[in-house]
Every structure is written in structure tokens, then in C-alpha cells.
PDB file of all heavy atoms in Angstrom:
ATOM      1  N   ALA A   1    -166.723 -26.105  31.905  1.00  0.00           N
ATOM      2  CA  ALA A   1    -167.292 -25.208  30.889  1.00  0.00           C
ATOM      3  C   ALA A   1    -168.819 -25.188  30.939  1.00  0.00           C
ATOM      4  O   ALA A   1    -169.489 -25.119  29.906  1.00  0.00           O
ATOM      5  CB  ALA A   1    -166.801 -25.606  29.497  1.00  0.00           C
ATOM      6  N   GLY A   2    -169.351 -25.286  32.161  1.00  0.00           N
ATOM      7  CA  GLY A   2    -170.796 -25.239  32.336  1.00  0.00           C
ATOM      8  C   GLY A   2    -171.533 -26.519  32.009  1.00  0.00           C
ATOM      9  O   GLY A   2    -172.766 -26.555  32.051  1.00  0.00           O
ATOM     10  N   ILE A   3    -170.791 -27.574  31.688  1.00  0.00           N
ATOM     11  CA  ILE A   3    -171.407 -28.868  31.337  1.00  0.00           C
ATOM     12  C   ILE A   3    -171.198 -29.838  32.491  1.00  0.00           C
ATOM     13  O   ILE A   3    -170.079 -30.025  32.967  1.00  0.00           O
ATOM     14  CB  ILE A   3    -170.805 -29.452  30.045  1.00  0.00           C
ATOM     15  CG1 ILE A   3    -171.003 -28.474  28.886  1.00  0.00           C
ATOM     16  CG2 ILE A   3    -171.433 -30.812  29.716  1.00  0.00           C
ATOM     17  CD1 ILE A   3    -170.240 -28.860  27.634  1.00  0.00           C
ATOM     18  N   GLU A   4    -172.273 -30.475  32.925  1.00  0.00           N
ATOM     19  CA  GLU A   4    -172.216 -31.437  34.024  1.00  0.00           C
ATOM     20  C   GLU A   4    -171.948 -32.834  33.471  1.00  0.00           C
ATOM     21  O   GLU A   4    -172.684 -33.322  32.625  1.00  0.00           O
ATOM     22  CB  GLU A   4    -173.531 -31.431  34.787  1.00  0.00           C
ATOM     23  CG  GLU A   4    -173.562 -32.356  35.982  1.00  0.00           C
ATOM     24  CD  GLU A   4    -174.895 -32.336  36.692  1.00  0.00           C
ATOM     25  OE1 GLU A   4    -175.815 -33.047  36.228  1.00  0.00           O
ATOM     26  OE2 GLU A   4    -175.032 -31.609  37.691  1.00  0.00           O
ATOM     27  N   PHE A   5    -170.889 -33.451  33.968  1.00  0.00           N
ATOM     28  CA  PHE A   5    -170.527 -34.811  33.572  1.00  0.00           C
ATOM     29  C   PHE A   5    -170.780 -35.737  34.759  1.00  0.00           C
ATOM     30  O   PHE A   5    -170.202 -35.554  35.835  1.00  0.00           O
ATOM     31  CB  PHE A   5    -169.065 -34.886  33.149  1.00  0.00           C
ATOM     32  CG  PHE A   5    -168.740 -34.062  31.926  1.00  0.00           C
ATOM     33  CD1 PHE A   5    -168.371 -32.723  32.058  1.00  0.00           C
ATOM     34  CD2 PHE A   5    -168.830 -34.604  30.656  1.00  0.00           C
ATOM     35  CE1 PHE A   5    -168.085 -31.951  30.945  1.00  0.00           C
ATOM     36  CE2 PHE A   5    -168.543 -33.843  29.528  1.00  0.00           C
ATOM     37  CZ  PHE A   5    -168.169 -32.523  29.677  1.00  0.00           C
ATOM     38  N   VAL A   6    -171.648 -36.712  34.562  1.00  0.00           N
ATOM     39  CA  VAL A   6    -172.006 -37.658  35.621  1.00  0.00           C
ATOM     40  C   VAL A   6    -171.352 -38.998  35.309  1.00  0.00           C
ATOM     41  O   VAL A   6    -171.705 -39.666  34.326  1.00  0.00           O
ATOM     42  CB  VAL A   6    -173.536 -37.820  35.725  1.00  0.00           C
ATOM     43  CG1 VAL A   6    -173.885 -38.823  36.811  1.00  0.00           C
ATOM     44  CG2 VAL A   6    -174.197 -36.475  35.997  1.00  0.00           C
ATOM     45  N   CYS A   7    -170.404 -39.393  36.135  1.00  0.00           N
ATOM     46  CA  CYS A   7    -169.639 -40.620  35.884  1.00  0.00           C
ATOM     47  C   CYS A   7    -169.917 -41.650  36.979  1.00  0.00           C
ATOM     48  O   CYS A   7    -170.157 -41.307  38.135  1.00  0.00           O
ATOM     49  CB  CYS A   7    -168.146 -40.320  35.825  1.00  0.00           C
ATOM     50  SG  CYS A   7    -167.675 -39.195  34.504  1.00  0.00           S
ATOM     51  N   GLY A   8    -169.861 -42.908  36.597  1.00  0.00           N
ATOM     52  CA  GLY A   8    -170.092 -44.012  37.519  1.00  0.00           C
ATOM     53  C   GLY A   8    -170.355 -45.274  36.741  1.00  0.00           C
ATOM     54  O   GLY A   8    -169.708 -45.511  35.707  1.00  0.00           O
ATOM     55  N   LYS A   9    -171.303 -46.070  37.229  1.00  0.00           N
ATOM     56  CA  LYS A   9    -171.601 -47.334  36.561  1.00  0.00           C
ATOM     57  C   LYS A   9    -173.093 -47.470  36.274  1.00  0.00           C
ATOM     58  O   LYS A   9    -173.927 -47.097  37.098  1.00  0.00           O
ATOM     59  CB  LYS A   9    -171.148 -48.518  37.416  1.00  0.00           C
ATOM     60  CG  LYS A   9    -169.641 -48.742  37.469  1.00  0.00           C
ATOM     61  CD  LYS A   9    -169.297 -50.009  38.240  1.00  0.00           C
ATOM     62  CE  LYS A   9    -167.798 -50.260  38.261  1.00  0.00           C
ATOM     63  NZ  LYS A   9    -167.286 -50.625  36.924  1.00  0.00           N
ATOM     64  N   ILE A  10    -173.397 -48.008  35.102  1.00  0.00           N
ATOM     65  CA  ILE A  10    -174.738 -48.475  34.765  1.00  0.00           C
ATOM     66  C   ILE A  10    -174.584 -49.890  34.228  1.00  0.00           C
ATOM     67  O   ILE A  10    -173.808 -50.122  33.302  1.00  0.00           O
ATOM     68  CB  ILE A  10    -175.428 -47.601  33.699  1.00  0.00           C
ATOM     69  CG1 ILE A  10    -175.587 -46.159  34.183  1.00  0.00           C
ATOM     70  CG2 ILE A  10    -176.803 -48.178  33.341  1.00  0.00           C
ATOM     71  CD1 ILE A  10    -176.203 -45.226  33.141  1.00  0.00           C
ATOM     72  N   ALA A  11    -175.296 -50.833  34.850  1.00  0.00           N
ATOM     73  CA  ALA A  11    -175.221 -52.242  34.431  1.00  0.00           C
ATOM     74  C   ALA A  11    -173.771 -52.731  34.390  1.00  0.00           C
ATOM     75  O   ALA A  11    -173.335 -53.365  33.426  1.00  0.00           O
ATOM     76  CB  ALA A  11    -175.885 -52.429  33.067  1.00  0.00           C
ATOM     77  N   ASP A  12    -173.013 -52.396  35.449  1.00  0.00           N
ATOM     78  CA  ASP A  12    -171.619 -52.827  35.585  1.00  0.00           C
ATOM     79  C   ASP A  12    -170.704 -52.275  34.502  1.00  0.00           C
ATOM     80  O   ASP A  12    -169.601 -52.788  34.290  1.00  0.00           O
ATOM     81  CB  ASP A  12    -171.514 -54.366  35.596  1.00  0.00           C
ATOM     82  CG  ASP A  12    -172.199 -54.982  36.800  1.00  0.00           C
ATOM     83  OD1 ASP A  12    -172.155 -54.355  37.878  1.00  0.00           O
ATOM     84  OD2 ASP A  12    -172.779 -56.070  36.663  1.00  0.00           O
ATOM     85  N   THR A  13    -171.129 -51.236  33.827  1.00  0.00           N
ATOM     86  CA  THR A  13    -170.311 -50.594  32.798  1.00  0.00           C
ATOM     87  C   THR A  13    -169.936 -49.193  33.249  1.00  0.00           C
ATOM     88  O   THR A  13    -170.786 -48.439  33.731  1.00  0.00           O
ATOM     89  CB  THR A  13    -171.074 -50.511  31.459  1.00  0.00           C
ATOM     90  OG1 THR A  13    -171.406 -51.826  31.031  1.00  0.00           O
ATOM     91  CG2 THR A  13    -170.244 -49.829  30.383  1.00  0.00           C
ATOM     92  N   ASP A  14    -168.669 -48.842  33.107  1.00  0.00           N
ATOM     93  CA  ASP A  14    -168.219 -47.490  33.424  1.00  0.00           C
ATOM     94  C   ASP A  14    -168.760 -46.524  32.379  1.00  0.00           C
ATOM     95  O   ASP A  14    -168.528 -46.696  31.172  1.00  0.00           O
ATOM     96  CB  ASP A  14    -166.698 -47.416  33.442  1.00  0.00           C
ATOM     97  CG  ASP A  14    -166.091 -48.194  34.599  1.00  0.00           C
ATOM     98  OD1 ASP A  14    -166.704 -48.215  35.682  1.00  0.00           O
ATOM     99  OD2 ASP A  14    -165.013 -48.787  34.420  1.00  0.00           O
ATOM    100  N   VAL A  15    -169.478 -45.498  32.843  1.00  0.00           N
ATOM    101  CA  VAL A  15    -170.083 -44.546  31.917  1.00  0.00           C
ATOM    102  C   VAL A  15    -169.824 -43.116  32.369  1.00  0.00           C
ATOM    103  O   VAL A  15    -169.569 -42.849  33.552  1.00  0.00           O
ATOM    104  CB  VAL A  15    -171.613 -44.755  31.794  1.00  0.00           C
ATOM    105  CG1 VAL A  15    -171.935 -46.132  31.240  1.00  0.00           C
ATOM    106  CG2 VAL A  15    -172.312 -44.517  33.132  1.00  0.00           C
ATOM    107  N   CYS A  16    -169.904 -42.210  31.412  1.00  0.00           N
ATOM    108  CA  CYS A  16    -169.892 -40.780  31.681  1.00  0.00           C
ATOM    109  C   CYS A  16    -171.026 -40.193  30.852  1.00  0.00           C
ATOM    110  O   CYS A  16    -171.030 -40.283  29.625  1.00  0.00           O
ATOM    111  CB  CYS A  16    -168.558 -40.156  31.273  1.00  0.00           C
ATOM    112  SG  CYS A  16    -168.457 -38.378  31.598  1.00  0.00           S
ATOM    113  N   VAL A  17    -172.024 -39.621  31.543  1.00  0.00           N
ATOM    114  CA  VAL A  17    -173.228 -39.122  30.886  1.00  0.00           C
ATOM    115  C   VAL A  17    -173.237 -37.597  30.948  1.00  0.00           C
ATOM    116  O   VAL A  17    -172.989 -37.016  32.006  1.00  0.00           O
ATOM    117  CB  VAL A  17    -174.505 -39.668  31.548  1.00  0.00           C
ATOM    118  CG1 VAL A  17    -175.746 -39.228  30.770  1.00  0.00           C
ATOM    119  CG2 VAL A  17    -174.454 -41.189  31.654  1.00  0.00           C
ATOM    120  N   ALA A  18    -173.529 -36.952  29.815  1.00  0.00           N
ATOM    121  CA  ALA A  18    -173.534 -35.492  29.781  1.00  0.00           C
ATOM    122  C   ALA A  18    -174.651 -34.964  28.894  1.00  0.00           C
ATOM    123  O   ALA A  18    -175.010 -35.582  27.897  1.00  0.00           O
ATOM    124  CB  ALA A  18    -172.195 -34.968  29.289  1.00  0.00           C
ATOM    125  N   GLN A  19    -175.167 -33.798  29.281  1.00  0.00           N
ATOM    126  CA  GLN A  19    -176.127 -33.051  28.466  1.00  0.00           C
ATOM    127  C   GLN A  19    -175.375 -31.896  27.830  1.00  0.00           C
ATOM    128  O   GLN A  19    -174.888 -30.998  28.514  1.00  0.00           O
ATOM    129  CB  GLN A  19    -177.276 -32.526  29.320  1.00  0.00           C
ATOM    130  CG  GLN A  19    -178.268 -31.671  28.544  1.00  0.00           C
ATOM    131  CD  GLN A  19    -179.243 -30.925  29.441  1.00  0.00           C
ATOM    132  OE1 GLN A  19    -179.409 -31.273  30.611  1.00  0.00           O
ATOM    133  NE2 GLN A  19    -179.858 -29.887  28.907  1.00  0.00           N
ATOM    134  N   CYS A  20    -175.290 -31.895  26.499  1.00  0.00           N
ATOM    135  CA  CYS A  20    -174.452 -30.905  25.832  1.00  0.00           C
ATOM    136  C   CYS A  20    -175.172 -29.603  25.499  1.00  0.00           C
ATOM    137  O   CYS A  20    -174.520 -28.586  25.247  1.00  0.00           O
ATOM    138  CB  CYS A  20    -173.858 -31.491  24.555  1.00  0.00           C
ATOM    139  SG  CYS A  20    -175.052 -31.923  23.263  1.00  0.00           S
ATOM    140  N   SER A  21    -176.510 -29.613  25.441  1.00  0.00           N
ATOM    141  CA  SER A  21    -177.359 -28.542  24.928  1.00  0.00           C
ATOM    142  C   SER A  21    -177.388 -28.615  23.404  1.00  0.00           C
ATOM    143  O   SER A  21    -176.452 -29.099  22.777  1.00  0.00           O
ATOM    144  CB  SER A  21    -176.908 -27.150  25.391  1.00  0.00           C
ATOM    145  OG  SER A  21    -177.045 -27.025  26.794  1.00  0.00           O
ATOM    146  N   PRO A  22    -178.475 -28.137  22.799  1.00  0.00           N
ATOM    147  CA  PRO A  22    -178.639 -28.306  21.350  1.00  0.00           C
ATOM    148  C   PRO A  22    -177.622 -27.522  20.519  1.00  0.00           C
ATOM    149  O   PRO A  22    -177.148 -26.456  20.924  1.00  0.00           O
ATOM    150  CB  PRO A  22    -180.059 -27.780  21.096  1.00  0.00           C
ATOM    151  CG  PRO A  22    -180.756 -27.896  22.415  1.00  0.00           C
ATOM    152  CD  PRO A  22    -179.701 -27.613  23.429  1.00  0.00           C
ATOM    153  N   GLY A  23    -177.317 -28.061  19.346  1.00  0.00           N
ATOM    154  CA  GLY A  23    -176.459 -27.364  18.399  1.00  0.00           C
ATOM    155  C   GLY A  23    -175.082 -27.969  18.269  1.00  0.00           C
ATOM    156  O   GLY A  23    -174.580 -28.641  19.174  1.00  0.00           O
ATOM    157  N   LYS A  24    -174.467 -27.712  17.116  1.00  0.00           N
ATOM    158  CA  LYS A  24    -173.190 -28.350  16.799  1.00  0.00           C
ATOM    159  C   LYS A  24    -172.026 -27.856  17.653  1.00  0.00           C
ATOM    160  O   LYS A  24    -171.169 -28.643  18.045  1.00  0.00           O
ATOM    161  CB  LYS A  24    -172.880 -28.165  15.312  1.00  0.00           C
ATOM    162  CG  LYS A  24    -173.847 -28.886  14.386  1.00  0.00           C
ATOM    163  CD  LYS A  24    -173.333 -28.927  12.947  1.00  0.00           C
ATOM    164  CE  LYS A  24    -173.136 -27.535  12.430  1.00  0.00           C
ATOM    165  NZ  LYS A  24    -172.593 -27.514  11.061  1.00  0.00           N
ATOM    166  N   VAL A  25    -171.983 -26.564  17.948  1.00  0.00           N
ATOM    167  CA  VAL A  25    -170.885 -26.046  18.772  1.00  0.00           C
ATOM    168  C   VAL A  25    -170.974 -26.612  20.182  1.00  0.00           C
ATOM    169  O   VAL A  25    -169.971 -27.068  20.759  1.00  0.00           O
ATOM    170  CB  VAL A  25    -170.888 -24.503  18.792  1.00  0.00           C
ATOM    171  CG1 VAL A  25    -169.858 -23.983  19.793  1.00  0.00           C
ATOM    172  CG2 VAL A  25    -170.575 -23.955  17.413  1.00  0.00           C
ATOM    173  N   ASN A  26    -172.166 -26.602  20.764  1.00  0.00           N
ATOM    174  CA  ASN A  26    -172.340 -27.176  22.103  1.00  0.00           C
ATOM    175  C   ASN A  26    -171.962 -28.653  22.124  1.00  0.00           C
ATOM    176  O   ASN A  26    -171.324 -29.131  23.073  1.00  0.00           O
ATOM    177  CB  ASN A  26    -173.796 -27.019  22.546  1.00  0.00           C
ATOM    178  CG  ASN A  26    -174.155 -25.583  22.878  1.00  0.00           C
ATOM    179  OD1 ASN A  26    -173.335 -24.836  23.381  1.00  0.00           O
ATOM    180  ND2 ASN A  26    -175.384 -25.192  22.579  1.00  0.00           N
ATOM    181  N   ALA A  27    -172.365 -29.381  21.079  1.00  0.00           N
ATOM    182  CA  ALA A  27    -172.064 -30.809  21.006  1.00  0.00           C
ATOM    183  C   ALA A  27    -170.567 -31.055  20.876  1.00  0.00           C
ATOM    184  O   ALA A  27    -170.008 -31.951  21.532  1.00  0.00           O
ATOM    185  CB  ALA A  27    -172.804 -31.430  19.826  1.00  0.00           C
ATOM    186  N   ALA A  28    -169.903 -30.269  20.045  1.00  0.00           N
ATOM    187  CA  ALA A  28    -168.458 -30.434  19.856  1.00  0.00           C
ATOM    188  C   ALA A  28    -167.689 -30.099  21.134  1.00  0.00           C
ATOM    189  O   ALA A  28    -166.750 -30.808  21.517  1.00  0.00           O
ATOM    190  CB  ALA A  28    -167.986 -29.549  18.704  1.00  0.00           C
ATOM    191  N   LEU A  29    -168.104 -29.004  21.797  1.00  0.00           N
ATOM    192  CA  LEU A  29    -167.460 -28.617  23.060  1.00  0.00           C
ATOM    193  C   LEU A  29    -167.573 -29.731  24.087  1.00  0.00           C
ATOM    194  O   LEU A  29    -166.585 -30.109  24.739  1.00  0.00           O
ATOM    195  CB  LEU A  29    -168.121 -27.342  23.587  1.00  0.00           C
ATOM    196  CG  LEU A  29    -167.701 -26.860  24.976  1.00  0.00           C
ATOM    197  CD1 LEU A  29    -166.243 -26.442  24.974  1.00  0.00           C
ATOM    198  CD2 LEU A  29    -168.584 -25.701  25.428  1.00  0.00           C
ATOM    199  N   CYS A  30    -168.773 -30.274  24.241  1.00  0.00           N
ATOM    200  CA  CYS A  30    -169.004 -31.338  25.219  1.00  0.00           C
ATOM    201  C   CYS A  30    -168.182 -32.578  24.881  1.00  0.00           C
ATOM    202  O   CYS A  30    -167.573 -33.191  25.763  1.00  0.00           O
ATOM    203  CB  CYS A  30    -170.494 -31.667  25.257  1.00  0.00           C
ATOM    204  SG  CYS A  30    -170.919 -33.018  26.368  1.00  0.00           S
ATOM    205  N   THR A  31    -168.161 -32.942  23.627  1.00  0.00           N
ATOM    206  CA  THR A  31    -167.448 -34.153  23.210  1.00  0.00           C
ATOM    207  C   THR A  31    -165.953 -34.032  23.457  1.00  0.00           C
ATOM    208  O   THR A  31    -165.323 -34.951  24.000  1.00  0.00           O
ATOM    209  CB  THR A  31    -167.712 -34.444  21.722  1.00  0.00           C
ATOM    210  OG1 THR A  31    -169.119 -34.487  21.483  1.00  0.00           O
ATOM    211  CG2 THR A  31    -167.105 -35.773  21.310  1.00  0.00           C
ATOM    212  N   GLN A  32    -165.366 -32.906  23.060  1.00  0.00           N
ATOM    213  CA  GLN A  32    -163.933 -32.734  23.262  1.00  0.00           C
ATOM    214  C   GLN A  32    -163.588 -32.682  24.743  1.00  0.00           C
ATOM    215  O   GLN A  32    -162.580 -33.252  25.186  1.00  0.00           O
ATOM    216  CB  GLN A  32    -163.435 -31.473  22.566  1.00  0.00           C
ATOM    217  CG  GLN A  32    -161.910 -31.353  22.530  1.00  0.00           C
ATOM    218  CD  GLN A  32    -161.261 -32.474  21.734  1.00  0.00           C
ATOM    219  OE1 GLN A  32    -161.521 -32.637  20.551  1.00  0.00           O
ATOM    220  NE2 GLN A  32    -160.409 -33.261  22.384  1.00  0.00           N
ATOM    221  N   MET A  33    -164.435 -32.009  25.537  1.00  0.00           N
ATOM    222  CA  MET A  33    -164.216 -31.941  26.976  1.00  0.00           C
ATOM    223  C   MET A  33    -164.279 -33.335  27.595  1.00  0.00           C
ATOM    224  O   MET A  33    -163.453 -33.699  28.445  1.00  0.00           O
ATOM    225  CB  MET A  33    -165.268 -31.036  27.617  1.00  0.00           C
ATOM    226  CG  MET A  33    -164.956 -30.613  29.022  1.00  0.00           C
ATOM    227  SD  MET A  33    -163.703 -29.330  29.104  1.00  0.00           S
ATOM    228  CE  MET A  33    -164.553 -27.978  28.312  1.00  0.00           C
ATOM    229  N   MET A  34    -165.244 -34.127  27.170  1.00  0.00           N
ATOM    230  CA  MET A  34    -165.392 -35.477  27.690  1.00  0.00           C
ATOM    231  C   MET A  34    -164.165 -36.328  27.371  1.00  0.00           C
ATOM    232  O   MET A  34    -163.649 -37.056  28.231  1.00  0.00           O
ATOM    233  CB  MET A  34    -166.654 -36.125  27.103  1.00  0.00           C
ATOM    234  CG  MET A  34    -166.951 -37.520  27.600  1.00  0.00           C
ATOM    235  SD  MET A  34    -168.487 -38.193  26.907  1.00  0.00           S
ATOM    236  CE  MET A  34    -169.720 -37.431  27.975  1.00  0.00           C
ATOM    237  N   ILE A  35    -163.665 -36.203  26.154  1.00  0.00           N
ATOM    238  CA  ILE A  35    -162.484 -36.978  25.746  1.00  0.00           C
ATOM    239  C   ILE A  35    -161.248 -36.525  26.516  1.00  0.00           C
ATOM    240  O   ILE A  35    -160.431 -37.345  26.948  1.00  0.00           O
ATOM    241  CB  ILE A  35    -162.269 -36.843  24.229  1.00  0.00           C
ATOM    242  CG1 ILE A  35    -163.407 -37.542  23.471  1.00  0.00           C
ATOM    243  CG2 ILE A  35    -160.921 -37.425  23.807  1.00  0.00           C
ATOM    244  CD1 ILE A  35    -163.424 -37.255  21.980  1.00  0.00           C
ATOM    245  N   ASP A  36    -161.106 -35.211  26.691  1.00  0.00           N
ATOM    246  CA  ASP A  36    -159.919 -34.670  27.355  1.00  0.00           C
ATOM    247  C   ASP A  36    -159.886 -34.945  28.855  1.00  0.00           C
ATOM    248  O   ASP A  36    -158.814 -35.167  29.428  1.00  0.00           O
ATOM    249  CB  ASP A  36    -159.840 -33.155  27.141  1.00  0.00           C
ATOM    250  CG  ASP A  36    -159.473 -32.771  25.717  1.00  0.00           C
ATOM    251  OD1 ASP A  36    -158.997 -33.650  24.970  1.00  0.00           O
ATOM    252  OD2 ASP A  36    -159.680 -31.593  25.355  1.00  0.00           O
ATOM    253  N   LYS A  37    -161.059 -34.928  29.498  1.00  0.00           N
ATOM    254  CA  LYS A  37    -161.104 -34.971  30.959  1.00  0.00           C
ATOM    255  C   LYS A  37    -161.340 -36.369  31.525  1.00  0.00           C
ATOM    256  O   LYS A  37    -161.074 -36.599  32.709  1.00  0.00           O
ATOM    257  CB  LYS A  37    -162.215 -34.041  31.465  1.00  0.00           C
ATOM    258  CG  LYS A  37    -162.022 -32.571  31.114  1.00  0.00           C
ATOM    259  CD  LYS A  37    -160.815 -31.970  31.811  1.00  0.00           C
ATOM    260  CE  LYS A  37    -160.721 -30.472  31.545  1.00  0.00           C
ATOM    261  NZ  LYS A  37    -159.543 -29.869  32.237  1.00  0.00           N
TER     262      LYS A  37
END
């Protein structure tokens, strides 16, 4: 959905880092996508 998710490790911790863009709809979209995928 146009959001880049960068996954891997930081300090031996599994992470997924994303830039959602400003605003509540963008933030909600990114969060749900991250949880689902």
C-alpha cells in the first residue's frame, strides 16, 4: 500500500521499521498492515 517496511535486526532484536506519513489515517493503515503482514 505504498508503505516501505524494513525488517531485520537491530542490536540482536528482530524489528520491522516503517514510515507511515503524517496523520491518523496513514498511521492506522501502516499499523494494521504491519500487524497483518
